[in-house]
Amino acid sequence: MRRERVVVLALDGVYPFELGIPSRILGAADGRYEVLTCSVDGRPVRTNADFGITVEHGPEALATADTVVIAPVAPAHLADEVSDDVLAALALIRPGTRIVSICTGAFVLAAAGLLDGRRATTHWQVADRFRRMFPRVDLDPDVLFVDDHPFLTSAGAASGVDICLHLVRKDHGSRLANSVARRCVVPPFRDGGQAQYIEQPVPEQGAASTAATRAWALERLDEPLTLTDLSGHARMSQRTFARRFQDEVGLSPGRWLIQQRVVRARHLLESSDLTVDQIAGRVGFATGASLRQHLNAAIGVSPQAYRRTFQTAR
């Protein structure tokens, strides 16, 4: 079994928590990944905390990577241009290498011109600043991560966990990703986007949550659920339910249902021999054609191609 080499680039001002995410998550994937940490000159790196870190590798490690991860730095270190030593380090990355950023690491990629014309995300608190600095990047501040191969960008802090689990899921399937999530005591897949975490007024005391209705809906994805069904279960008006759902999840009820149906369909494509039409029926899409459309919109491949990839991996 070939191990994927992942090299994490630590820059001055790095957040220690996010720097450790790739090693912790990918390191729990049954030996499928080898994770190294480097700096632009091989010297110790100052963090945004009250301690520095010593790394074992210099920038030459980037030339050996299958995947490169740019760890985030504190906002005070963000700039619209990258230093010569960072540019020189990035130039060592081989063409076609998968490049991932966590949180503000997207600023480094954008400043190097690597995200021009691409879709990307970053922490919602610095989204406006990112747009002003890099107008050529199609920024989506509402999602937890964006996969615009070979560049993947994620939102703040714990979104680094989400994107690393996405790498495991993409490389080796949902079964291993779910196993990694259990070992690390994190959810294997978080629904919604960043909108649910953006600062907003405190809900009225005693305001009902939509969580119970979401759990109810997940048990009935094969049914043609409507806003009327969901709001009726929650005992709210449709308008109140839709607003509260958007606040809590960051998606409309309709978009959330599609997302959950796609997730369930991917699991069945990986783990069963059901036909596309049968899977479509089990997850609530009216036809196989509808499943194909939504899967292609979500991850850019057909059900057959997706199944072929993971059956080969197994």
Protein backbone atom coordinates (compact mmCIF):
# COMPACT_ATOMS: atom_id res chain seq x y z
CA MET A 1 0.00 0.00 0.00
CA ARG A 2 1.47 3.32 -1.08
CA ARG A 3 1.41 6.05 1.55
CA GLU A 4 0.38 9.51 0.46
CA ARG A 5 2.94 12.10 1.56
CA VAL A 6 1.36 15.22 3.03
CA VAL A 7 3.63 18.17 3.77
CA VAL A 8 2.31 20.95 6.00
CA LEU A 9 3.88 24.38 5.56
CA ALA A 10 4.17 26.37 8.80
CA LEU A 11 4.68 30.13 8.49
CA ASP A 12 5.42 32.72 11.16
CA GLY A 13 2.27 33.54 13.11
CA VAL A 14 0.80 30.06 12.58
CA TYR A 15 -2.08 28.86 14.74
CA PRO A 16 -0.81 25.80 16.67
CA PHE A 17 -4.21 24.09 16.78
CA GLU A 18 -4.77 24.17 13.03
CA LEU A 19 -1.14 23.26 12.35
CA GLY A 20 -1.68 19.96 14.14
CA ILE A 21 -4.95 19.01 12.44
CA PRO A 22 -3.50 17.23 9.35
CA SER A 23 -1.20 15.09 11.48
CA ARG A 24 -3.99 14.19 13.91
CA ILE A 25 -6.73 13.42 11.36
CA LEU A 26 -4.69 11.93 8.52
CA GLY A 27 -2.46 10.14 11.00
CA ALA A 28 -5.50 8.16 12.17
CA ALA A 29 -6.17 6.78 8.67
CA ASP A 30 -4.60 3.35 9.12
CA GLY A 31 -1.19 4.34 7.80
CA ARG A 32 -2.49 5.69 4.48
CA TYR A 33 -0.73 9.03 4.93
CA GLU A 34 2.71 10.20 5.98
CA VAL A 35 2.52 13.74 7.37
CA LEU A 36 5.59 15.99 7.53
CA THR A 37 5.86 19.59 8.72
CA CYS A 38 8.23 22.12 7.19
CA SER A 39 9.05 25.81 7.26
CA VAL A 40 10.31 28.05 4.46
CA ASP A 41 13.89 27.86 5.74
CA GLY A 42 13.97 24.83 8.05
CA ARG A 43 14.25 27.08 11.11
CA PRO A 44 11.88 27.30 14.11
CA VAL A 45 8.59 29.12 13.50
CA ARG A 46 6.92 31.68 15.75
CA THR A 47 3.28 30.87 16.47
CA ASN A 48 0.51 33.27 17.44
CA ALA A 49 0.70 31.79 20.95
CA ASP A 50 3.38 32.30 23.60
CA PHE A 51 5.66 29.60 22.19
CA GLY A 52 7.51 28.72 19.02
CA ILE A 53 7.83 25.37 17.29
CA THR A 54 10.76 23.49 15.85
CA VAL A 55 10.19 21.67 12.57
CA GLU A 56 12.17 18.78 11.19
CA HIS A 57 12.14 19.80 7.53
CA GLY A 58 12.96 22.70 5.27
CA PRO A 59 11.20 23.76 2.05
CA GLU A 60 12.76 20.91 0.08
CA ALA A 61 10.12 18.63 1.61
CA LEU A 62 7.49 20.41 -0.50
CA ALA A 63 9.05 18.97 -3.66
CA THR A 64 8.30 15.44 -2.39
CA ALA A 65 4.67 16.04 -1.47
CA ASP A 66 1.58 14.44 -2.96
CA THR A 67 -0.50 16.94 -0.99
CA VAL A 68 0.60 20.26 0.49
CA VAL A 69 -1.30 21.92 3.34
CA ILE A 70 -0.89 25.64 4.06
CA ALA A 71 -1.54 26.16 7.76
CA PRO A 72 -3.27 29.42 8.78
CA VAL A 73 -1.64 32.46 10.34
CA ALA A 74 -3.00 35.20 12.56
CA PRO A 75 -4.64 38.13 10.71
CA ALA A 76 -1.77 40.46 11.62
CA HIS A 77 0.46 38.42 9.28
CA LEU A 78 -1.86 38.60 6.27
CA ALA A 79 -0.74 40.58 3.21
CA ASP A 80 -1.70 40.95 -0.44
CA GLU A 81 1.79 39.82 -1.45
CA VAL A 82 3.93 36.93 -0.28
CA SER A 83 7.58 37.23 0.64
CA ASP A 84 10.32 35.97 -1.64
CA ASP A 85 11.12 33.03 0.62
CA VAL A 86 7.49 31.89 0.63
CA LEU A 87 7.32 32.24 -3.16
CA ALA A 88 10.51 30.24 -3.49
CA ALA A 89 9.11 27.52 -1.24
CA LEU A 90 5.83 27.34 -3.19
CA ALA A 91 7.79 27.12 -6.44
CA LEU A 92 9.23 23.80 -5.24
CA ILE A 93 5.79 22.17 -5.32
CA ARG A 94 5.50 19.81 -8.28
CA PRO A 95 2.86 20.58 -10.94
CA GLY A 96 -0.38 18.72 -10.27
CA THR A 97 0.22 18.42 -6.54
CA ARG A 98 -2.94 18.75 -4.46
CA ILE A 99 -2.76 21.95 -2.41
CA VAL A 100 -4.97 22.55 0.63
CA SER A 101 -5.36 25.65 2.78
CA ILE A 102 -6.88 25.86 6.22
CA CYS A 103 -8.59 29.10 7.25
CA THR A 104 -6.36 32.10 6.44
CA GLY A 105 -3.95 29.88 4.53
CA ALA A 106 -6.08 30.81 1.52
CA PHE A 107 -4.55 34.30 1.69
CA VAL A 108 -1.13 32.78 0.98
CA LEU A 109 -2.40 30.92 -2.07
CA ALA A 110 -4.33 33.93 -3.34
CA ALA A 111 -1.40 36.29 -2.85
CA ALA A 112 0.73 33.91 -4.89
CA GLY A 113 -1.82 34.10 -7.70
CA LEU A 114 -2.75 30.42 -7.42
CA LEU A 115 -6.47 30.99 -6.82
CA ASP A 116 -7.19 33.49 -9.60
CA GLY A 117 -10.37 32.50 -11.39
CA ARG A 118 -11.05 29.73 -8.89
CA ARG A 119 -13.71 29.22 -6.25
CA ALA A 120 -12.39 29.33 -2.68
CA THR A 121 -13.33 30.04 0.91
CA THR A 122 -11.76 31.30 4.12
CA HIS A 123 -12.86 32.32 7.61
CA TRP A 124 -16.02 34.42 7.50
CA GLN A 125 -14.48 37.13 9.71
CA VAL A 126 -11.87 37.98 7.07
CA ALA A 127 -14.03 37.35 4.00
CA ASP A 128 -14.56 41.04 3.19
CA ARG A 129 -10.85 41.70 3.52
CA PHE A 130 -10.10 38.75 1.25
CA ARG A 131 -12.49 40.07 -1.41
CA ARG A 132 -10.89 43.52 -1.37
CA MET A 133 -7.40 42.09 -1.65
CA PHE A 134 -8.11 39.36 -4.20
CA PRO A 135 -11.04 40.33 -6.46
CA ARG A 136 -10.04 37.71 -9.05
CA VAL A 137 -10.90 34.87 -6.66
CA ASP A 138 -14.50 33.61 -6.55
CA LEU A 139 -14.90 33.63 -2.78
CA ASP A 140 -17.74 31.68 -1.16
CA PRO A 141 -17.76 32.57 2.55
CA ASP A 142 -20.83 30.45 3.35
CA VAL A 143 -19.31 26.97 3.06
CA LEU A 144 -17.04 24.93 5.32
CA PHE A 145 -14.69 24.02 2.48
CA VAL A 146 -14.32 24.18 -1.30
CA ASP A 147 -12.81 21.46 -3.48
CA ASP A 148 -11.71 23.07 -6.75
CA HIS A 149 -9.14 20.42 -7.68
CA PRO A 150 -6.21 20.58 -7.27
CA PHE A 151 -6.82 23.45 -4.84
CA LEU A 152 -8.92 22.93 -1.71
CA THR A 153 -9.65 25.71 0.75
CA SER A 154 -11.42 25.58 4.10
CA ALA A 155 -12.99 27.96 6.57
CA GLY A 156 -11.79 28.65 10.09
CA ALA A 157 -10.29 26.41 12.77
CA ALA A 158 -12.33 23.19 12.99
CA SER A 159 -13.03 23.34 9.25
CA GLY A 160 -9.50 22.00 8.96
CA VAL A 161 -10.90 18.80 10.46
CA ASP A 162 -13.71 18.81 7.90
CA ILE A 163 -11.39 19.19 4.94
CA CYS A 164 -8.96 16.52 6.17
CA LEU A 165 -11.86 14.10 6.59
CA HIS A 166 -12.93 15.08 3.08
CA LEU A 167 -9.47 14.10 1.82
CA VAL A 168 -9.76 10.69 3.48
CA ARG A 169 -13.28 10.25 2.12
CA LYS A 170 -12.22 11.29 -1.37
CA ASP A 171 -9.10 9.10 -1.38
CA HIS A 172 -10.35 6.02 0.44
CA GLY A 173 -14.12 6.20 0.88
CA SER A 174 -16.65 6.96 3.58
CA ARG A 175 -15.97 3.85 5.65
CA LEU A 176 -12.40 4.86 6.48
CA ALA A 177 -13.36 8.54 6.91
CA ASN A 178 -16.08 7.54 9.38
CA SER A 179 -13.60 5.34 11.24
CA VAL A 180 -11.12 8.22 11.49
CA ALA A 181 -13.86 10.52 12.75
CA ARG A 182 -14.82 8.05 15.47
CA ARG A 183 -11.21 7.69 16.61
CA CYS A 184 -10.82 11.46 16.80
CA VAL A 185 -14.27 11.92 18.40
CA VAL A 186 -15.48 14.36 15.75
CA PRO A 187 -18.52 14.28 13.43
CA PRO A 188 -17.71 12.55 10.13
CA PHE A 189 -19.66 15.15 8.20
CA ARG A 190 -21.00 18.50 9.38
CA ASP A 191 -24.05 19.74 7.54
CA GLY A 192 -24.60 23.34 6.61
CA GLY A 193 -21.97 26.01 6.20
CA GLN A 194 -20.30 28.93 7.95
CA ALA A 195 -23.49 30.98 8.14
CA GLN A 196 -24.55 29.10 11.26
CA TYR A 197 -21.42 30.33 13.08
CA ILE A 198 -21.52 33.98 12.08
CA GLU A 199 -22.24 36.31 14.99
CA GLN A 200 -25.96 37.02 15.17
CA PRO A 201 -28.45 38.16 17.79
CA VAL A 202 -29.11 35.68 20.58
CA PRO A 203 -32.30 33.74 19.85
CA GLU A 204 -35.34 34.51 21.93
CA GLN A 205 -35.39 32.60 25.21
CA GLY A 206 -37.27 29.36 24.77
CA ALA A 207 -37.10 29.50 20.97
CA ALA A 208 -37.57 26.04 19.49
CA SER A 209 -34.73 24.37 17.56
CA THR A 210 -35.04 22.59 14.23
CA ALA A 211 -32.62 19.84 15.34
CA ALA A 212 -35.33 17.30 16.13
CA THR A 213 -36.93 17.87 12.74
CA ARG A 214 -33.60 17.43 10.98
CA ALA A 215 -33.13 14.09 12.75
CA TRP A 216 -36.71 13.12 11.81
CA ALA A 217 -36.08 14.05 8.16
CA LEU A 218 -32.85 12.02 7.99
CA GLU A 219 -34.88 8.91 8.79
CA ARG A 220 -37.27 9.70 5.91
CA LEU A 221 -35.02 10.84 3.08
CA ASP A 222 -36.77 8.41 0.74
CA GLU A 223 -40.02 10.34 1.19
CA PRO A 224 -40.94 13.49 -0.82
CA LEU A 225 -40.49 15.85 2.13
CA THR A 226 -41.77 19.38 1.68
CA LEU A 227 -41.44 22.57 3.68
CA THR A 228 -44.99 21.95 4.86
CA ASP A 229 -43.97 18.52 6.20
CA LEU A 230 -40.89 19.87 7.97
CA SER A 231 -42.54 22.92 9.50
CA GLY A 232 -45.53 20.80 10.53
CA HIS A 233 -43.26 18.37 12.38
CA ALA A 234 -41.53 21.30 14.10
CA ARG A 235 -44.90 22.89 14.90
CA MET A 236 -43.88 26.19 13.40
CA SER A 237 -45.17 28.32 10.58
CA GLN A 238 -43.34 27.75 7.32
CA ARG A 239 -41.84 31.23 7.46
CA THR A 240 -40.58 30.84 11.04
CA PHE A 241 -39.24 27.36 10.37
CA ALA A 242 -37.38 28.41 7.21
CA ARG A 243 -35.80 31.40 8.96
CA ARG A 244 -34.77 29.42 12.04
CA PHE A 245 -33.46 26.54 9.91
CA GLN A 246 -31.30 28.95 7.89
CA ASP A 247 -29.95 30.52 11.09
CA GLU A 248 -29.07 27.17 12.65
CA VAL A 249 -27.74 25.28 9.64
CA GLY A 250 -26.63 27.94 7.17
CA LEU A 251 -28.72 26.43 4.37
CA SER A 252 -32.34 26.53 3.31
CA PRO A 253 -34.35 23.39 4.13
CA GLY A 254 -34.46 22.48 0.44
CA ARG A 255 -30.70 22.78 -0.06
CA TRP A 256 -30.04 20.85 3.14
CA LEU A 257 -32.27 17.99 2.01
CA ILE A 258 -30.44 17.78 -1.32
CA GLN A 259 -27.10 17.78 0.48
CA GLN A 260 -28.16 14.96 2.80
CA ARG A 261 -29.57 12.93 -0.08
CA VAL A 262 -26.30 13.27 -1.98
CA VAL A 263 -24.33 12.18 1.10
CA ARG A 264 -26.57 9.12 1.52
CA ALA A 265 -26.32 8.32 -2.19
CA ARG A 266 -22.52 8.46 -2.07
CA HIS A 267 -22.49 6.00 0.82
CA LEU A 268 -24.75 3.58 -1.09
CA LEU A 269 -22.67 3.91 -4.25
CA GLU A 270 -19.60 2.96 -2.25
CA SER A 271 -21.06 0.20 -0.13
CA SER A 272 -23.77 -1.50 -2.21
CA ASP A 273 -24.45 -2.96 -5.63
CA LEU A 274 -27.81 -1.21 -5.99
CA THR A 275 -28.53 0.37 -9.37
CA VAL A 276 -28.52 4.13 -9.75
CA ASP A 277 -32.31 4.15 -10.02
CA GLN A 278 -32.65 2.06 -6.86
CA ILE A 279 -30.32 4.36 -4.94
CA ALA A 280 -32.21 7.39 -6.22
CA GLY A 281 -35.42 5.93 -4.81
CA ARG A 282 -33.85 5.14 -1.44
CA VAL A 283 -32.49 8.65 -0.93
CA GLY A 284 -35.49 10.60 -2.17
CA PHE A 285 -34.55 11.64 -5.69
CA ALA A 286 -37.41 11.08 -8.09
CA THR A 287 -35.29 9.48 -10.82
CA GLY A 288 -31.79 8.26 -11.56
CA ALA A 289 -31.40 11.28 -13.81
CA SER A 290 -32.10 13.57 -10.86
CA LEU A 291 -29.46 11.77 -8.78
CA ARG A 292 -26.96 12.10 -11.61
CA GLN A 293 -27.66 15.83 -11.87
CA HIS A 294 -27.30 16.50 -8.16
CA LEU A 295 -24.22 14.31 -7.71
CA ASN A 296 -22.51 15.99 -10.65
CA ALA A 297 -23.36 19.43 -9.24
CA ALA A 298 -21.97 18.44 -5.82
CA ILE A 299 -18.73 16.65 -6.75
CA GLY A 300 -18.43 16.86 -10.52
CA VAL A 301 -18.70 13.16 -11.42
CA SER A 302 -21.38 10.70 -12.49
CA PRO A 303 -22.65 7.94 -10.17
CA GLN A 304 -20.94 5.33 -12.35
CA ALA A 305 -17.60 7.12 -12.23
CA TYR A 306 -17.89 7.63 -8.47
CA ARG A 307 -18.73 3.98 -7.88
CA ARG A 308 -15.92 2.83 -10.16
CA THR A 309 -13.40 4.89 -8.19
CA PHE A 310 -14.33 3.48 -4.80
CA GLN A 311 -14.92 -0.09 -5.91
CA THR A 312 -11.40 -0.04 -7.35
CA ALA A 313 -10.09 1.38 -4.05
CA ARG A 314 -11.78 -1.44 -2.12
